[in-house]
C-alpha atoms as a PDB file:
ATOM      1  CA  MET A   1      43.544  58.038 -13.739  1.00  0.00           C
ATOM      2  CA  PHE A   2      45.158  54.601 -13.405  1.00  0.00           C
ATOM      3  CA  PHE A   3      43.439  53.988 -10.084  1.00  0.00           C
ATOM      4  CA  LEU A   4      40.109  55.133 -11.516  1.00  0.00           C
ATOM      5  CA  ILE A   5      40.395  52.744 -14.454  1.00  0.00           C
ATOM      6  CA  SER A   6      41.468  49.942 -12.128  1.00  0.00           C
ATOM      7  CA  GLY A   7      38.495  50.599  -9.863  1.00  0.00           C
ATOM      8  CA  VAL A   8      36.074  50.558 -12.790  1.00  0.00           C
ATOM      9  CA  LEU A   9      37.600  47.296 -14.010  1.00  0.00           C
ATOM     10  CA  VAL A  10      37.229  45.676 -10.592  1.00  0.00           C
ATOM     11  CA  VAL A  11      33.580  46.731 -10.414  1.00  0.00           C
ATOM     12  CA  ALA A  12      32.955  45.460 -13.941  1.00  0.00           C
ATOM     13  CA  ILE A  13      34.514  42.077 -13.126  1.00  0.00           C
ATOM     14  CA  TRP A  14      32.505  41.831  -9.904  1.00  0.00           C
ATOM     15  CA  LEU A  15      29.244  42.608 -11.716  1.00  0.00           C
ATOM     16  CA  PHE A  16      30.090  40.070 -14.409  1.00  0.00           C
ATOM     17  CA  VAL A  17      30.719  37.321 -11.853  1.00  0.00           C
ATOM     18  CA  PHE A  18      27.686  38.333  -9.769  1.00  0.00           C
ATOM     19  CA  TRP A  19      25.169  38.288 -12.614  1.00  0.00           C
ATOM     20  CA  ILE A  20      26.691  35.898 -15.182  1.00  0.00           C
ATOM     21  CA  GLN A  21      28.298  33.415 -12.759  1.00  0.00           C
ATOM     22  CA  PRO A  22      30.742  31.705 -15.126  1.00  0.00           C
ATOM     23  CA  PRO A  23      31.539  28.151 -13.984  1.00  0.00           C
ATOM     24  CA  ALA A  24      35.221  29.085 -13.667  1.00  0.00           C
ATOM     25  CA  ALA A  25      34.310  31.405 -10.793  1.00  0.00           C
ATOM     26  CA  VAL A  26      33.221  28.431  -8.704  1.00  0.00           C
ATOM     27  CA  SER A  27      36.736  27.004  -8.925  1.00  0.00           C
ATOM     28  CA  VAL A  28      38.094  30.246  -7.479  1.00  0.00           C
ATOM     29  CA  PHE A  29      35.629  30.150  -4.572  1.00  0.00           C
ATOM     30  CA  GLU A  30      36.507  26.504  -3.907  1.00  0.00           C
ATOM     31  CA  ARG A  31      40.202  27.352  -3.782  1.00  0.00           C
ATOM     32  CA  PHE A  32      39.761  30.129  -1.214  1.00  0.00           C
ATOM     33  CA  THR A  33      37.114  28.346   0.899  1.00  0.00           C
ATOM     34  CA  PRO A  34      37.972  24.639   0.623  1.00  0.00           C
ATOM     35  CA  ASN A  35      35.781  23.656   3.584  1.00  0.00           C
ATOM     36  CA  VAL A  36      32.579  24.855   1.909  1.00  0.00           C
ATOM     37  CA  VAL A  37      30.745  22.671  -0.623  1.00  0.00           C
ATOM     38  CA  TYR A  38      29.760  24.501  -3.814  1.00  0.00           C
ATOM     39  CA  ARG A  39      29.174  21.407  -5.968  1.00  0.00           C
ATOM     40  CA  ALA A  40      29.973  17.728  -6.158  1.00  0.00           C
ATOM     41  CA  ARG A  41      32.113  16.735  -9.111  1.00  0.00           C
ATOM     42  CA  VAL A  42      30.303  13.627 -10.242  1.00  0.00           C
ATOM     43  CA  GLU A  43      29.905  12.111 -13.664  1.00  0.00           C
ATOM     44  CA  LEU A  44      26.321  11.053 -12.988  1.00  0.00           C
ATOM     45  CA  PRO A  45      23.625  13.392 -14.398  1.00  0.00           C
ATOM     46  CA  LEU A  46      22.540  14.641 -10.976  1.00  0.00           C
ATOM     47  CA  VAL A  47      21.676  18.215 -10.023  1.00  0.00           C
ATOM     48  CA  ALA A  48      20.781  19.313  -6.485  1.00  0.00           C
ATOM     49  CA  LEU A  49      17.993  21.790  -5.789  1.00  0.00           C
ATOM     50  CA  SER A  50      17.853  23.832  -2.598  1.00  0.00           C
ATOM     51  CA  PHE A  51      15.428  26.383  -1.173  1.00  0.00           C
ATOM     52  CA  ASP A  52      16.286  28.847   1.586  1.00  0.00           C
ATOM     53  CA  ASP A  53      14.598  30.872   4.342  1.00  0.00           C
ATOM     54  CA  GLY A  54      11.442  28.812   4.797  1.00  0.00           C
ATOM     55  CA  PRO A  55       9.151  27.406   5.671  1.00  0.00           C
ATOM     56  CA  HIS A  56       6.708  29.954   4.256  1.00  0.00           C
ATOM     57  CA  PRO A  57       2.939  29.362   4.540  1.00  0.00           C
ATOM     58  CA  THR A  58       2.235  30.479   0.967  1.00  0.00           C
ATOM     59  CA  PHE A  59       5.305  29.692  -1.105  1.00  0.00           C
ATOM     60  CA  THR A  60       6.617  26.461   0.422  1.00  0.00           C
ATOM     61  CA  PRO A  61       3.433  24.500  -0.424  1.00  0.00           C
ATOM     62  CA  GLN A  62       3.597  25.818  -4.012  1.00  0.00           C
ATOM     63  CA  VAL A  63       7.201  24.661  -4.353  1.00  0.00           C
ATOM     64  CA  LEU A  64       6.319  21.255  -2.905  1.00  0.00           C
ATOM     65  CA  ASP A  65       3.452  20.840  -5.382  1.00  0.00           C
ATOM     66  CA  ILE A  66       5.703  21.647  -8.348  1.00  0.00           C
ATOM     67  CA  LEU A  67       8.420  19.273  -7.154  1.00  0.00           C
ATOM     68  CA  GLN A  68       5.870  16.498  -6.752  1.00  0.00           C
ATOM     69  CA  ARG A  69       4.492  17.011 -10.270  1.00  0.00           C
ATOM     70  CA  HIS A  70       7.989  16.773 -11.720  1.00  0.00           C
ATOM     71  CA  ASN A  71       9.176  13.909  -9.486  1.00  0.00           C
ATOM     72  CA  ALA A  72      12.026  16.057  -8.179  1.00  0.00           C
ATOM     73  CA  LYS A  73      13.627  16.169  -4.743  1.00  0.00           C
ATOM     74  CA  ALA A  74      15.259  19.105  -2.980  1.00  0.00           C
ATOM     75  CA  THR A  75      16.919  20.346   0.184  1.00  0.00           C
ATOM     76  CA  PHE A  76      15.085  22.964   2.244  1.00  0.00           C
ATOM     77  CA  PHE A  77      17.358  25.087   4.432  1.00  0.00           C
ATOM     78  CA  LEU A  78      15.015  26.136   7.226  1.00  0.00           C
ATOM     79  CA  ILE A  79      15.088  29.084   9.620  1.00  0.00           C
ATOM     80  CA  GLY A  80      14.615  27.748  13.154  1.00  0.00           C
ATOM     81  CA  GLU A  81      12.063  30.258  14.407  1.00  0.00           C
ATOM     82  CA  ARG A  82      10.009  29.801  11.224  1.00  0.00           C
ATOM     83  CA  ALA A  83      10.126  26.034  11.588  1.00  0.00           C
ATOM     84  CA  LEU A  84       8.662  26.422  15.080  1.00  0.00           C
ATOM     85  CA  ARG A  85       5.932  28.663  13.646  1.00  0.00           C
ATOM     86  CA  TYR A  86       4.973  26.211  10.876  1.00  0.00           C
ATOM     87  CA  PRO A  87       5.731  22.682  12.111  1.00  0.00           C
ATOM     88  CA  GLU A  88       3.118  21.227   9.757  1.00  0.00           C
ATOM     89  CA  LEU A  89       5.141  22.471   6.777  1.00  0.00           C
ATOM     90  CA  VAL A  90       8.328  20.944   8.166  1.00  0.00           C
ATOM     91  CA  ALA A  91       6.458  17.650   8.493  1.00  0.00           C
ATOM     92  CA  ARG A  92       5.111  17.966   4.951  1.00  0.00           C
ATOM     93  CA  ILE A  93       8.600  18.606   3.529  1.00  0.00           C
ATOM     94  CA  LYS A  94       9.941  15.485   5.209  1.00  0.00           C
ATOM     95  CA  ALA A  95       6.902  13.357   4.339  1.00  0.00           C
ATOM     96  CA  ALA A  96       7.409  14.187   0.652  1.00  0.00           C
ATOM     97  CA  GLY A  97      10.916  12.734   0.820  1.00  0.00           C
ATOM     98  CA  HIS A  98      12.805  16.016   0.760  1.00  0.00           C
ATOM     99  CA  GLU A  99      15.795  16.913   2.884  1.00  0.00           C
ATOM    100  CA  VAL A 100      16.003  19.621   5.551  1.00  0.00           C
ATOM    101  CA  GLY A 101      19.093  21.619   6.398  1.00  0.00           C
ATOM    102  CA  ASN A 102      20.042  24.117   9.089  1.00  0.00           C
ATOM    103  CA  HIS A 103      19.796  27.768   8.005  1.00  0.00           C
ATOM    104  CA  TYR A 104      20.278  29.263  11.471  1.00  0.00           C
ATOM    105  CA  TYR A 105      17.628  30.269  13.993  1.00  0.00           C
ATOM    106  CA  LYS A 106      17.017  33.793  12.701  1.00  0.00           C
ATOM    107  CA  ASN A 107      17.311  35.268   9.239  1.00  0.00           C
ATOM    108  CA  CYS A 108      20.108  37.608  10.259  1.00  0.00           C
ATOM    109  CA  SER A 109      23.836  38.086   9.897  1.00  0.00           C
ATOM    110  CA  THR A 110      25.967  35.810  12.043  1.00  0.00           C
ATOM    111  CA  PHE A 111      28.798  38.358  12.128  1.00  0.00           C
ATOM    112  CA  VAL A 112      27.619  40.023  15.343  1.00  0.00           C
ATOM    113  CA  HIS A 113      27.317  36.739  17.235  1.00  0.00           C
ATOM    114  CA  SER A 114      29.952  35.191  19.433  1.00  0.00           C
ATOM    115  CA  GLU A 115      30.901  31.549  18.979  1.00  0.00           C
ATOM    116  CA  ALA A 116      28.713  30.663  21.956  1.00  0.00           C
ATOM    117  CA  GLU A 117      25.727  32.529  20.500  1.00  0.00           C
ATOM    118  CA  PHE A 118      26.338  30.984  17.102  1.00  0.00           C
ATOM    119  CA  LEU A 119      26.390  27.497  18.599  1.00  0.00           C
ATOM    120  CA  ARG A 120      23.211  28.183  20.582  1.00  0.00           C
ATOM    121  CA  TYR A 121      21.313  29.331  17.499  1.00  0.00           C
ATOM    122  CA  LEU A 122      22.635  26.377  15.532  1.00  0.00           C
ATOM    123  CA  ASP A 123      21.413  23.951  18.201  1.00  0.00           C
ATOM    124  CA  GLN A 124      18.041  25.700  18.554  1.00  0.00           C
ATOM    125  CA  THR A 125      17.452  25.330  14.837  1.00  0.00           C
ATOM    126  CA  GLU A 126      18.381  21.666  14.870  1.00  0.00           C
ATOM    127  CA  ARG A 127      15.875  21.049  17.642  1.00  0.00           C
ATOM    128  CA  ALA A 128      13.231  23.059  15.785  1.00  0.00           C
ATOM    129  CA  ILE A 129      13.524  21.187  12.490  1.00  0.00           C
ATOM    130  CA  GLY A 130      14.022  17.761  14.012  1.00  0.00           C
ATOM    131  CA  PRO A 131      16.213  14.924  12.709  1.00  0.00           C
ATOM    132  CA  ILE A 132      18.376  16.135   9.843  1.00  0.00           C
ATOM    133  CA  GLY A 133      19.939  12.933   8.580  1.00  0.00           C
ATOM    134  CA  GLU A 134      23.379  12.349   7.132  1.00  0.00           C
ATOM    135  CA  PRO A 135      25.122  14.395   5.978  1.00  0.00           C
ATOM    136  CA  LYS A 136      24.005  17.193   8.276  1.00  0.00           C
ATOM    137  CA  LEU A 137      23.920  20.340   6.180  1.00  0.00           C
ATOM    138  CA  PHE A 138      24.375  23.968   7.224  1.00  0.00           C
ATOM    139  CA  ARG A 139      24.052  27.054   5.047  1.00  0.00           C
ATOM    140  CA  ALA A 140      24.798  30.361   6.733  1.00  0.00           C
ATOM    141  CA  PRO A 141      22.085  33.023   6.392  1.00  0.00           C
ATOM    142  CA  GLY A 142      23.018  35.258   3.509  1.00  0.00           C
ATOM    143  CA  GLY A 143      25.675  32.696   2.583  1.00  0.00           C
ATOM    144  CA  VAL A 144      28.328  34.286   4.811  1.00  0.00           C
ATOM    145  CA  ALA A 145      29.778  33.588   8.254  1.00  0.00           C
ATOM    146  CA  TRP A 146      33.078  34.005  10.035  1.00  0.00           C
ATOM    147  CA  PRO A 147      35.574  31.167   9.391  1.00  0.00           C
ATOM    148  CA  ARG A 148      35.589  30.427  13.116  1.00  0.00           C
ATOM    149  CA  GLN A 149      31.804  29.997  13.034  1.00  0.00           C
ATOM    150  CA  LEU A 150      32.051  27.530  10.170  1.00  0.00           C
ATOM    151  CA  ARG A 151      34.618  25.620  12.232  1.00  0.00           C
ATOM    152  CA  VAL A 152      32.081  25.471  15.065  1.00  0.00           C
ATOM    153  CA  ALA A 153      29.464  24.118  12.656  1.00  0.00           C
ATOM    154  CA  ARG A 154      31.853  21.467  11.337  1.00  0.00           C
ATOM    155  CA  ALA A 155      32.732  20.478  14.902  1.00  0.00           C
ATOM    156  CA  GLN A 156      29.013  19.759  15.400  1.00  0.00           C
ATOM    157  CA  GLY A 157      29.089  17.390  12.430  1.00  0.00           C
ATOM    158  CA  TYR A 158      27.777  19.794   9.806  1.00  0.00           C
ATOM    159  CA  THR A 159      28.844  20.027   6.189  1.00  0.00           C
ATOM    160  CA  CYS A 160      28.817  23.701   5.193  1.00  0.00           C
ATOM    161  CA  VAL A 161      27.131  24.214   1.821  1.00  0.00           C
ATOM    162  CA  LEU A 162      26.621  27.023  -0.645  1.00  0.00           C
ATOM    163  CA  GLY A 163      26.007  26.393  -4.352  1.00  0.00           C
ATOM    164  CA  SER A 164      27.175  26.822  -7.929  1.00  0.00           C
ATOM    165  CA  ALA A 165      24.119  28.531  -9.477  1.00  0.00           C
ATOM    166  CA  TYR A 166      22.347  31.334  -7.637  1.00  0.00           C
ATOM    167  CA  PRO A 167      20.085  33.690  -9.632  1.00  0.00           C
ATOM    168  CA  ASN A 168      19.889  36.218  -6.781  1.00  0.00           C
ATOM    169  CA  ASP A 169      16.134  35.698  -6.538  1.00  0.00           C
ATOM    170  CA  PRO A 170      15.717  37.789  -3.334  1.00  0.00           C
ATOM    171  CA  MET A 171      16.539  40.778  -5.583  1.00  0.00           C
ATOM    172  CA  HIS A 172      13.505  39.847  -7.740  1.00  0.00           C
ATOM    173  CA  PRO A 173      15.173  39.544 -11.148  1.00  0.00           C
ATOM    174  CA  PRO A 174      12.903  38.691 -14.108  1.00  0.00           C
ATOM    175  CA  VAL A 175      11.746  35.114 -14.551  1.00  0.00           C
ATOM    176  CA  TRP A 176      13.708  34.736 -17.791  1.00  0.00           C
ATOM    177  CA  TYR A 177      16.955  35.552 -15.972  1.00  0.00           C
ATOM    178  CA  ILE A 178      16.331  32.997 -13.219  1.00  0.00           C
ATOM    179  CA  ARG A 179      15.693  30.330 -15.841  1.00  0.00           C
ATOM    180  CA  TRP A 180      18.628  31.400 -18.016  1.00  0.00           C
ATOM    181  CA  LEU A 181      21.178  31.495 -15.199  1.00  0.00           C
ATOM    182  CA  ILE A 182      20.301  28.035 -13.928  1.00  0.00           C
ATOM    183  CA  GLU A 183      19.811  26.380 -17.304  1.00  0.00           C
ATOM    184  CA  LYS A 184      23.097  27.663 -18.733  1.00  0.00           C
ATOM    185  CA  ASN A 185      24.985  26.254 -15.743  1.00  0.00           C
ATOM    186  CA  LEU A 186      23.295  22.834 -15.701  1.00  0.00           C
ATOM    187  CA  ALA A 187      26.038  20.270 -15.216  1.00  0.00           C
ATOM    188  CA  PRO A 188      26.550  17.085 -13.181  1.00  0.00           C
ATOM    189  CA  GLY A 189      27.055  17.933  -9.519  1.00  0.00           C
ATOM    190  CA  MET A 190      25.616  21.432  -9.716  1.00  0.00           C
ATOM    191  CA  ILE A 191      23.882  22.871  -6.620  1.00  0.00           C
ATOM    192  CA  VAL A 192      21.088  25.393  -7.248  1.00  0.00           C
ATOM    193  CA  ILE A 193      20.156  28.024  -4.646  1.00  0.00           C
ATOM    194  CA  LEU A 194      16.605  29.397  -4.724  1.00  0.00           C
ATOM    195  CA  HIS A 195      14.321  30.841  -2.037  1.00  0.00           C
ATOM    196  CA  ASP A 196      10.850  29.889  -0.866  1.00  0.00           C
ATOM    197  CA  GLY A 197      10.954  31.980   2.330  1.00  0.00           C
ATOM    198  CA  ILE A 198      11.452  35.489   0.982  1.00  0.00           C
ATOM    199  CA  GLY A 199       8.731  38.138   0.949  1.00  0.00           C
ATOM    200  CA  ASP A 200       7.772  37.359  -2.644  1.00  0.00           C
ATOM    201  CA  ALA A 201       9.027  34.117  -4.196  1.00  0.00           C
ATOM    202  CA  THR A 202       6.574  34.316  -7.105  1.00  0.00           C
ATOM    203  CA  ARG A 203       9.193  34.694  -9.815  1.00  0.00           C
ATOM    204  CA  SER A 204      11.252  31.762  -8.587  1.00  0.00           C
ATOM    205  CA  ILE A 205       8.114  29.635  -8.470  1.00  0.00           C
ATOM    206  CA  GLN A 206       7.160  30.716 -11.976  1.00  0.00           C
ATOM    207  CA  ALA A 207      10.623  29.798 -13.265  1.00  0.00           C
ATOM    208  CA  LEU A 208      10.821  26.428 -11.505  1.00  0.00           C
ATOM    209  CA  PRO A 209       8.627  24.237 -13.790  1.00  0.00           C
ATOM    210  CA  GLN A 210      10.536  25.173 -16.934  1.00  0.00           C
ATOM    211  CA  ILE A 211      13.873  24.663 -15.169  1.00  0.00           C
ATOM    212  CA  LEU A 212      12.771  21.175 -14.182  1.00  0.00           C
ATOM    213  CA  ARG A 213      11.508  20.401 -17.688  1.00  0.00           C
ATOM    214  CA  THR A 214      14.715  21.626 -19.302  1.00  0.00           C
ATOM    215  CA  GLY A 215      16.812  19.593 -16.909  1.00  0.00           C
ATOM    216  CA  ARG A 216      14.813  16.454 -17.639  1.00  0.00           C
ATOM    217  CA  GLN A 217      15.110  17.026 -21.378  1.00  0.00           C
ATOM    218  CA  ARG A 218      18.882  17.186 -20.970  1.00  0.00           C
ATOM    219  CA  GLY A 219      18.889  13.946 -19.011  1.00  0.00           C
ATOM    220  CA  PHE A 220      19.373  15.336 -15.513  1.00  0.00           C
ATOM    221  CA  ARG A 221      17.699  14.107 -12.338  1.00  0.00           C
ATOM    222  CA  PHE A 222      16.971  16.636  -9.591  1.00  0.00           C
ATOM    223  CA  VAL A 223      17.949  15.400  -6.130  1.00  0.00           C
ATOM    224  CA  SER A 224      18.731  16.676  -2.644  1.00  0.00           C
ATOM    225  CA  ILE A 225      22.205  17.894  -1.757  1.00  0.00           C
ATOM    226  CA  GLY A 226      22.639  14.962   0.592  1.00  0.00           C
ATOM    227  CA  GLU A 227      21.904  12.489  -2.186  1.00  0.00           C
ATOM    228  CA  LEU A 228      24.373  14.283  -4.431  1.00  0.00           C
ATOM    229  CA  ILE A 229      27.112  14.102  -1.791  1.00  0.00           C
ATOM    230  CA  ARG A 230      26.392  10.440  -1.056  1.00  0.00           C
ATOM    231  CA  ALA A 231      26.571   9.601  -4.768  1.00  0.00           C
ATOM    232  CA  SER A 232      29.921  11.351  -4.953  1.00  0.00           C
ATOM    233  CA  ARG A 233      31.246   9.469  -1.934  1.00  0.00           C
ATOM    234  CA  ARG A 234      30.119   6.138  -3.399  1.00  0.00           C
ATOM    235  CA  ALA A 235      31.893   6.979  -6.634  1.00  0.00           C
ATOM    236  CA  MET A 236      35.087   7.781  -4.734  1.00  0.00           C
ATOM    237  CA  ALA A 237      34.843   4.554  -2.747  1.00  0.00           C
ATOM    238  CA  SER A 238      34.459   2.538  -5.933  1.00  0.00           C
ATOM    239  CA  GLY A 239      37.559   4.120  -7.439  1.00  0.00           C
ATOM    240  CA  SER A 240      35.732   6.423  -9.834  1.00  0.00           C
ATOM    241  CA  SER A 241      37.258   9.701 -10.923  1.00  0.00           C
ATOM    242  CA  ALA A 242      34.394  11.601  -9.275  1.00  0.00           C
ATOM    243  CA  ILE A 243      35.374  14.062  -6.592  1.00  0.00           C
ATOM    244  CA  GLY A 244      32.949  14.579  -3.729  1.00  0.00           C
ATOM    245  CA  GLY A 245      32.176  17.774  -1.828  1.00  0.00           C
END
């Protein structure tokens, strides 16, 4: 009976963290994976937006239009083979002043790949999406990779990034939940994970305008992850109490 109760408690805690995402949980993740950026602890009212798994011929242009209307910038983590398929969308993302990051060559688990295969796919994606800028950003597909693979990415000059607010939009939760999860966690240095490259990104796109409006009303500016990290580094260099990713 004790083990049954313990198991139920573990599941309940996991579900709570998965769906509610209390800010304290980010501190735990940072402690166990110190070489992955989940947020930048800055005092400036900056929030970073990111979109994964694109480019997508239908949803990426919609996201770009919304960002333009709200004068917001974002980081697009691109799949290499999709970038090769839609080079005009990669060019449009960059022309609009957004940032691109490496999201691997295929939308698949990295677990079955050797270090050599991992490095090859990483390099193929970088060639597919073109110049990345500084800092070079990598987000593993599905948000998970072997520690040794992340070491390979860092050896290639990449900063490995996840986020601090992720409404699990590939699972198609309701629009109100996507908005609620992100808006409740709005804080300086927060990194938001959304998707424009999934099979149906409609709900994320429907939630995005209100998220941007709410953020603006609270005094936040939406920027790329790279800009957030650079702001944190400048604050550190100037002796501020801010802590960069």
